[in-house]
N, C-alpha and C. Protein backbone atom coordinates (compact mmCIF):
# COMPACT_ATOMS: atom_id res chain seq x y z
N UNK A 1 86.59 4.18 -44.23
CA UNK A 1 87.06 3.00 -44.95
C UNK A 1 86.96 3.22 -46.46
N UNK A 2 85.88 3.87 -46.89
CA UNK A 2 85.71 4.10 -48.32
C UNK A 2 86.80 5.00 -48.85
N UNK A 3 87.19 5.97 -48.02
CA UNK A 3 88.25 6.91 -48.43
C UNK A 3 89.55 6.15 -48.68
N UNK A 4 89.85 5.19 -47.80
CA UNK A 4 91.08 4.40 -47.95
C UNK A 4 91.03 3.61 -49.26
N UNK A 5 89.85 3.07 -49.58
CA UNK A 5 89.71 2.31 -50.82
C UNK A 5 89.99 3.21 -52.01
N UNK A 6 89.44 4.42 -51.98
CA UNK A 6 89.65 5.36 -53.08
C UNK A 6 91.13 5.69 -53.22
N UNK A 7 91.82 5.85 -52.08
CA UNK A 7 93.25 6.16 -52.12
C UNK A 7 94.01 5.00 -52.75
N UNK A 8 93.64 3.77 -52.38
CA UNK A 8 94.30 2.59 -52.94
C UNK A 8 94.09 2.53 -54.45
N UNK A 9 92.84 2.72 -54.87
CA UNK A 9 92.52 2.66 -56.30
C UNK A 9 93.27 3.76 -57.05
N UNK A 10 93.23 4.96 -56.52
CA UNK A 10 93.90 6.09 -57.18
C UNK A 10 95.40 5.85 -57.24
N UNK A 11 95.96 5.36 -56.14
CA UNK A 11 97.40 5.11 -56.09
C UNK A 11 97.81 4.04 -57.10
N UNK A 12 97.02 2.97 -57.16
CA UNK A 12 97.34 1.89 -58.09
C UNK A 12 97.22 2.37 -59.53
N UNK A 13 96.18 3.15 -59.80
CA UNK A 13 95.96 3.64 -61.17
C UNK A 13 97.06 4.62 -61.57
N UNK A 14 97.51 5.44 -60.61
CA UNK A 14 98.53 6.44 -60.91
C UNK A 14 99.93 5.88 -60.79
N UNK A 15 100.06 4.70 -60.17
CA UNK A 15 101.38 4.10 -60.02
C UNK A 15 102.13 4.68 -58.82
N UNK A 16 101.40 5.31 -57.90
CA UNK A 16 102.05 5.89 -56.72
C UNK A 16 101.93 4.93 -55.54
N UNK A 17 102.57 3.77 -55.66
CA UNK A 17 102.49 2.75 -54.60
C UNK A 17 103.01 3.28 -53.28
N UNK A 18 104.18 3.91 -53.31
CA UNK A 18 104.79 4.41 -52.07
C UNK A 18 103.92 5.48 -51.44
N UNK A 19 103.40 6.39 -52.26
CA UNK A 19 102.55 7.47 -51.75
C UNK A 19 101.30 6.88 -51.11
N UNK A 20 100.75 5.84 -51.75
CA UNK A 20 99.54 5.20 -51.22
C UNK A 20 99.82 4.60 -49.85
N UNK A 21 100.96 3.91 -49.72
CA UNK A 21 101.32 3.29 -48.44
C UNK A 21 101.48 4.36 -47.38
N UNK A 22 102.16 5.44 -47.72
CA UNK A 22 102.37 6.54 -46.76
C UNK A 22 101.03 7.13 -46.35
N UNK A 23 100.13 7.30 -47.30
CA UNK A 23 98.81 7.86 -47.00
C UNK A 23 98.05 6.93 -46.07
N UNK A 24 98.14 5.62 -46.33
CA UNK A 24 97.45 4.65 -45.47
C UNK A 24 98.02 4.71 -44.06
N UNK A 25 99.33 4.81 -43.94
CA UNK A 25 99.96 4.88 -42.63
C UNK A 25 99.50 6.14 -41.89
N UNK A 26 99.46 7.26 -42.59
CA UNK A 26 99.03 8.52 -41.97
C UNK A 26 97.58 8.41 -41.53
N UNK A 27 96.73 7.84 -42.36
CA UNK A 27 95.32 7.68 -42.02
C UNK A 27 95.17 6.79 -40.80
N UNK A 28 96.02 5.75 -40.72
CA UNK A 28 95.95 4.83 -39.59
C UNK A 28 96.39 5.49 -38.30
N UNK A 29 97.44 6.33 -38.39
CA UNK A 29 97.96 7.00 -37.20
C UNK A 29 96.95 8.04 -36.72
N UNK A 30 96.44 8.84 -37.66
CA UNK A 30 95.47 9.87 -37.31
C UNK A 30 94.13 9.21 -37.12
């Protein structure tokens, strides 16, 4: 769960909204 939070924060800070969503989906599937 903490990893997902870091991905969200990093994505928001970097402006990679789409990449963040894709990463979340991949994490959810795996």
